[in-house]
Amino acid sequence: MSTYAVGDLQGCRAELETLLDRINFDPAADTVWFLGDLVNRGPDNLGTVRLVRSLGDRARCVLGNHDLHFLAVAAGQHPAVRKDTLHDLLAAPELMEIVEWLRHLPLLHHDAELDFTMVHAGLPPIWDLPTSLERAREVEAILTSDAYPTFLSAMYGNQPATWSDHLSGMARARVITNYFTRLRYCKEDGELELTFKGADCPDGYAPWFSHPRPLHDGVRILFGHWAAIEGVCDASDCHALDTGCIWGRELTAMRLEDGLRVSVPAFPV
C-alpha cells in the first residue's frame, strides 16, 4: 500500500497512464495525489479528467490556477485565451458533472497520518498550517456556493499583493487564491510578485520556500506549478513535483512513504 504525489498533468493523459504503469499503481490498494492543474495546454484534457475521476477515492486532488480558469470559462465568466486547449472538456457530454466535481475539490489538502500537505503553488511564509487550512476553506466555501460565478469572474488579477486581516469580499478571496494557486516569488512579509515565472529572481523577492518559515516548522509540503525550477528547491521540507511534462520534459511521481521519485518522459507532440 503506497501513496504517490504527481505533478501537474495539464491534459497529458498518455504520460499519466505510462507513469501509473511504471510505478505499478494498484487502484485497490494505492492512493495517488494530484497537485492541481489537471487540465489545459495539453492534448487530452477530457481523457485526463476521466482517468483521474475513474480512480474514485484512490485519488486526492487540489485545484490549480488552470483548473480554476477552466471553471471560469465553462461558467461564461472569462473568455478562453489563445493557448487554452479546453475545447474537448467544453464539448464533453458530462461537462456539468466535471464542473461540479472540480468545484468541490479543495485548494489545500493535509494528511496528518502521512504528515504531508499538498498545495498547487505553495504556502505563504506568513501563515501556519491551521491558518492556511482556514483560509483555504473560505474560498472553498465560495466555490461550492451559488456565488461561485461571481468569484470566478473576480479572481483574476494581481492585487492585492499582500495579505491583510482587514481584507474582505472578493479582494480577500483573490489574494488567498493567488497564494495557493499562483505563488512563486514573494517577500518575507507575504507580498506577492506574480509576473515573474522563470528561475531568475526579481529584485527584493525570493522563492516562497527560500524564506525563513518558522510558521511552517514540522510541515512537509508538496507543490507543483513551477516547471522552471525543474523539480528542485532548496528546502528539505518542500518537494517540487512539476517537472514540465507539458513543456516536453517529464511527468514525475513521488512515493510519500520513502521519497522515491519516478519520472516518465513527455511524449512527442
Protein backbone atom coordinates (compact mmCIF):
# COMPACT_ATOMS: atom_id res chain seq x y z
CA MET A 1 0.00 0.00 0.00
CA SER A 2 1.67 3.21 -1.22
CA THR A 3 0.77 6.86 -1.68
CA TYR A 4 2.16 8.79 -4.63
CA ALA A 5 2.11 12.51 -5.40
CA VAL A 6 2.11 13.51 -9.08
CA GLY A 7 2.99 16.89 -10.55
CA ASP A 8 0.98 19.00 -12.98
CA LEU A 9 -0.82 16.89 -15.60
CA GLN A 10 -2.24 19.67 -17.79
CA GLY A 11 -4.04 17.26 -20.06
CA CYS A 12 -1.18 14.78 -20.52
CA ARG A 13 -3.27 11.63 -20.20
CA ALA A 14 -0.93 9.29 -22.10
CA GLU A 15 2.03 10.19 -19.88
CA LEU A 16 -0.12 9.68 -16.78
CA GLU A 17 -1.11 6.21 -17.93
CA THR A 18 2.55 5.39 -18.57
CA LEU A 19 3.59 6.74 -15.17
CA LEU A 20 0.92 4.73 -13.34
CA ASP A 21 2.14 1.61 -15.13
CA ARG A 22 5.76 2.44 -14.29
CA ILE A 23 5.03 2.68 -10.55
CA ASN A 24 2.82 -0.43 -10.67
CA PHE A 25 -0.06 1.59 -9.28
CA ASP A 26 -2.65 -0.69 -7.68
CA PRO A 27 -6.06 1.05 -7.56
CA ALA A 28 -7.24 -1.47 -4.98
CA ALA A 29 -4.50 -0.58 -2.50
CA ASP A 30 -2.54 2.53 -3.53
CA THR A 31 -3.50 6.19 -3.48
CA VAL A 32 -2.35 8.98 -5.79
CA TRP A 33 -2.35 12.69 -5.02
CA PHE A 34 -2.59 15.19 -7.89
CA LEU A 35 -1.08 18.61 -7.26
CA GLY A 36 -3.50 20.67 -9.37
CA ASP A 37 -3.55 21.88 -12.96
CA LEU A 38 -5.15 18.68 -14.12
CA VAL A 39 -6.15 20.44 -17.34
CA ASN A 40 -5.19 22.95 -20.03
CA ARG A 41 -2.38 23.38 -22.52
CA GLY A 42 -2.13 19.61 -23.12
CA PRO A 43 -3.65 17.39 -25.82
CA ASP A 44 -6.19 15.30 -23.88
CA ASN A 45 -7.86 17.20 -21.07
CA LEU A 46 -11.07 15.20 -21.17
CA GLY A 47 -9.22 11.88 -21.11
CA THR A 48 -7.11 13.10 -18.20
CA VAL A 49 -10.13 14.12 -16.15
CA ARG A 50 -11.92 10.88 -16.93
CA LEU A 51 -8.90 8.87 -15.84
CA VAL A 52 -8.46 10.77 -12.58
CA ARG A 53 -12.17 10.58 -11.78
CA SER A 54 -12.19 6.84 -12.53
CA LEU A 55 -9.83 6.33 -9.59
CA GLY A 56 -12.58 7.37 -7.19
CA ASP A 57 -11.43 7.71 -3.59
CA ARG A 58 -7.97 6.37 -4.53
CA ALA A 59 -7.24 9.85 -5.90
CA ARG A 60 -6.83 13.09 -3.98
CA CYS A 61 -6.70 16.37 -5.89
CA VAL A 62 -6.24 20.06 -5.21
CA LEU A 63 -7.17 22.87 -7.55
CA GLY A 64 -4.60 24.72 -9.63
CA ASN A 65 -4.86 28.02 -11.47
CA HIS A 66 -5.60 26.30 -14.80
CA ASP A 67 -8.42 24.27 -13.23
CA LEU A 68 -9.95 27.47 -11.89
CA HIS A 69 -9.55 29.14 -15.28
CA PHE A 70 -11.41 26.26 -16.91
CA LEU A 71 -14.25 26.68 -14.41
CA ALA A 72 -14.42 30.38 -15.26
CA VAL A 73 -14.53 29.68 -19.00
CA ALA A 74 -17.16 26.95 -18.55
CA ALA A 75 -19.29 29.31 -16.45
CA GLY A 76 -19.05 32.10 -19.03
CA GLN A 77 -17.18 34.33 -16.59
CA HIS A 78 -13.97 34.66 -18.62
CA PRO A 79 -13.08 34.15 -22.28
CA ALA A 80 -10.74 31.38 -23.33
CA VAL A 81 -7.25 32.61 -24.20
CA ARG A 82 -5.12 31.75 -27.20
CA LYS A 83 -3.08 28.98 -25.56
CA ASP A 84 -6.06 27.21 -24.00
CA THR A 85 -6.82 23.64 -25.11
CA LEU A 86 -10.11 23.29 -23.27
CA HIS A 87 -12.32 22.57 -26.28
CA ASP A 88 -12.62 18.84 -25.55
CA LEU A 89 -13.77 19.49 -21.99
CA LEU A 90 -16.22 22.19 -23.02
CA ALA A 91 -17.76 19.82 -25.59
CA ALA A 92 -17.91 16.83 -23.22
CA PRO A 93 -21.33 15.28 -22.64
CA GLU A 94 -20.54 15.20 -18.91
CA LEU A 95 -19.36 18.82 -18.80
CA MET A 96 -21.61 19.79 -15.89
CA GLU A 97 -20.55 16.72 -13.90
CA ILE A 98 -16.91 17.71 -14.38
CA VAL A 99 -17.65 21.28 -13.35
CA GLU A 100 -19.41 20.12 -10.19
CA TRP A 101 -16.58 17.73 -9.36
CA LEU A 102 -13.91 20.42 -9.77
CA ARG A 103 -15.91 22.97 -7.79
CA HIS A 104 -15.84 20.64 -4.81
CA LEU A 105 -12.08 19.99 -4.84
CA PRO A 106 -10.01 21.70 -2.13
CA LEU A 107 -7.25 24.27 -2.50
CA LEU A 108 -5.24 22.59 0.24
CA HIS A 109 -5.05 19.00 1.49
CA HIS A 110 -3.36 17.89 4.70
CA ASP A 111 -2.93 14.28 5.80
CA ALA A 112 -1.95 14.10 9.46
CA GLU A 113 -1.20 10.39 9.32
CA LEU A 114 1.20 10.70 6.39
CA ASP A 115 2.38 14.09 7.64
CA PHE A 116 2.22 15.78 4.24
CA THR A 117 0.43 18.89 2.99
CA MET A 118 -0.46 19.22 -0.70
CA VAL A 119 -1.00 22.55 -2.46
CA HIS A 120 -0.70 23.60 -6.08
CA ALA A 121 1.69 26.57 -5.78
CA GLY A 122 2.84 26.99 -2.19
CA LEU A 123 2.18 28.21 1.34
CA PRO A 124 2.97 31.84 2.14
CA PRO A 125 5.52 32.21 4.94
CA ILE A 126 3.09 34.40 6.91
CA TRP A 127 0.57 31.60 7.60
CA ASP A 128 0.95 28.48 9.70
CA LEU A 129 -0.82 25.30 8.64
CA PRO A 130 -4.03 25.80 10.68
CA THR A 131 -4.36 29.34 9.31
CA SER A 132 -3.68 28.12 5.77
CA LEU A 133 -6.38 25.48 6.07
CA GLU A 134 -8.80 28.07 7.44
CA ARG A 135 -8.08 30.50 4.61
CA ALA A 136 -8.45 27.73 2.01
CA ARG A 137 -11.85 26.82 3.43
CA GLU A 138 -13.02 30.40 2.91
CA VAL A 139 -12.52 30.13 -0.85
CA GLU A 140 -13.74 26.53 -0.99
CA ALA A 141 -16.99 27.66 0.63
CA ILE A 142 -17.47 30.28 -2.08
CA LEU A 143 -16.70 27.79 -4.86
CA THR A 144 -19.34 25.37 -3.60
CA SER A 145 -21.97 28.10 -3.13
CA ASP A 146 -24.30 29.83 -5.55
CA ALA A 147 -21.85 32.78 -5.53
CA TYR A 148 -19.17 30.84 -7.39
CA PRO A 149 -19.71 32.54 -10.81
CA THR A 150 -19.09 35.94 -9.21
CA PHE A 151 -15.90 34.65 -7.63
CA LEU A 152 -14.69 33.11 -10.90
CA SER A 153 -15.13 36.46 -12.63
CA ALA A 154 -13.40 38.41 -9.83
CA MET A 155 -10.48 36.05 -9.12
CA TYR A 156 -8.29 37.35 -11.98
CA GLY A 157 -5.68 39.95 -11.08
CA ASN A 158 -2.54 40.50 -9.03
CA GLN A 159 -3.97 42.86 -6.44
CA PRO A 160 -3.99 42.97 -3.51
CA ALA A 161 -0.38 41.79 -3.43
CA THR A 162 -0.17 41.48 0.36
CA TRP A 163 -2.41 39.83 2.89
CA SER A 164 -4.27 41.86 5.48
CA ASP A 165 -6.74 40.60 8.04
CA HIS A 166 -8.86 43.61 7.14
CA LEU A 167 -9.47 42.41 3.57
CA SER A 168 -12.99 41.35 2.75
CA GLY A 169 -15.13 40.20 -0.13
CA MET A 170 -13.61 39.25 -3.47
CA ALA A 171 -10.32 41.05 -2.80
CA ARG A 172 -9.79 38.76 0.19
CA ALA A 173 -10.76 35.67 -1.81
CA ARG A 174 -8.48 36.71 -4.70
CA VAL A 175 -5.31 37.05 -2.64
CA ILE A 176 -5.99 33.74 -0.84
CA THR A 177 -6.45 32.06 -4.22
CA ASN A 178 -3.28 33.66 -5.58
CA TYR A 179 -1.24 32.38 -2.62
CA PHE A 180 -2.37 28.80 -3.07
CA THR A 181 -2.53 28.58 -6.86
CA ARG A 182 -0.09 31.17 -8.30
CA LEU A 183 2.62 31.76 -5.69
CA ARG A 184 6.24 31.61 -6.80
CA TYR A 185 8.10 34.68 -5.58
CA CYS A 186 7.23 36.74 -2.53
CA LYS A 187 8.77 38.79 0.24
CA GLU A 188 9.09 37.54 3.80
CA ASP A 189 6.01 39.57 4.74
CA GLY A 190 3.99 37.73 2.07
CA GLU A 191 4.00 40.42 -0.62
CA LEU A 192 3.46 38.64 -3.95
CA GLU A 193 5.31 39.09 -7.23
CA LEU A 194 3.19 37.26 -9.80
CA THR A 195 4.65 38.47 -13.08
CA PHE A 196 7.94 36.53 -12.88
CA LYS A 197 7.64 32.86 -13.83
CA GLY A 198 11.21 31.81 -14.56
CA ALA A 199 14.07 30.82 -12.31
CA ASP A 200 15.58 34.34 -12.31
CA CYS A 201 14.56 36.02 -9.08
CA PRO A 202 13.15 39.57 -9.22
CA ASP A 203 14.92 42.15 -7.05
CA GLY A 204 13.72 42.23 -3.47
CA TYR A 205 11.90 38.88 -3.67
CA ALA A 206 12.75 35.21 -3.16
CA PRO A 207 11.09 31.88 -3.86
CA TRP A 208 8.46 31.36 -1.19
CA PHE A 209 10.22 28.24 0.12
CA SER A 210 13.58 30.05 0.47
CA HIS A 211 12.38 32.48 3.15
CA PRO A 212 12.75 31.76 6.86
CA ARG A 213 9.49 29.94 7.58
CA PRO A 214 9.23 29.28 11.33
CA LEU A 215 5.45 29.03 10.98
CA HIS A 216 5.97 26.00 8.71
CA ASP A 217 8.14 24.07 11.18
CA GLY A 218 7.19 20.40 11.05
CA VAL A 219 5.11 20.82 7.87
CA ARG A 220 6.17 18.81 4.81
CA ILE A 221 4.83 20.48 1.67
CA LEU A 222 4.21 19.02 -1.78
CA PHE A 223 3.75 21.55 -4.57
CA GLY A 224 3.68 21.86 -8.36
CA HIS A 225 3.04 24.91 -10.56
CA TRP A 226 6.67 25.94 -11.08
CA ALA A 227 8.04 23.99 -14.05
CA ALA A 228 11.00 26.36 -14.45
CA ILE A 229 12.73 25.04 -11.31
CA GLU A 230 12.59 21.50 -12.75
CA GLY A 231 11.55 19.76 -9.54
CA VAL A 232 14.37 21.21 -7.43
CA CYS A 233 14.06 23.52 -4.41
CA ASP A 234 16.44 24.45 -1.62
CA ALA A 235 14.19 23.49 1.29
CA SER A 236 14.28 19.98 2.72
CA ASP A 237 10.67 20.21 3.90
CA CYS A 238 9.34 21.16 0.43
CA HIS A 239 9.04 18.87 -2.58
CA ALA A 240 8.65 20.39 -6.06
CA LEU A 241 6.95 17.98 -8.44
CA ASP A 242 6.12 19.96 -11.59
CA THR A 243 8.85 18.72 -13.92
CA GLY A 244 7.42 20.28 -17.06
CA CYS A 245 5.64 17.46 -18.86
CA ILE A 246 3.62 19.93 -20.90
CA TRP A 247 6.89 21.64 -21.90
CA GLY A 248 8.36 18.44 -23.30
CA ARG A 249 10.25 17.30 -20.20
CA GLU A 250 8.89 14.76 -17.69
CA LEU A 251 5.92 13.76 -15.55
CA THR A 252 7.02 12.85 -12.04
CA ALA A 253 5.58 10.89 -9.12
CA MET A 254 7.00 10.77 -5.60
CA ARG A 255 6.22 7.94 -3.19
CA LEU A 256 5.43 9.59 0.12
CA GLU A 257 6.50 6.68 2.28
CA ASP A 258 10.17 6.88 1.26
CA GLY A 259 10.60 9.83 -1.13
CA LEU A 260 11.32 7.67 -4.19
CA ARG A 261 10.82 9.64 -7.41
CA VAL A 262 9.83 8.06 -10.71
CA SER A 263 9.57 10.04 -13.94
CA VAL A 264 8.48 9.31 -17.50
CA PRO A 265 9.41 11.48 -20.49
CA ALA A 266 6.83 13.61 -22.26
CA PHE A 267 5.54 12.11 -25.49
CA PRO A 268 6.49 13.91 -28.72
CA VAL A 269 3.79 16.35 -29.79
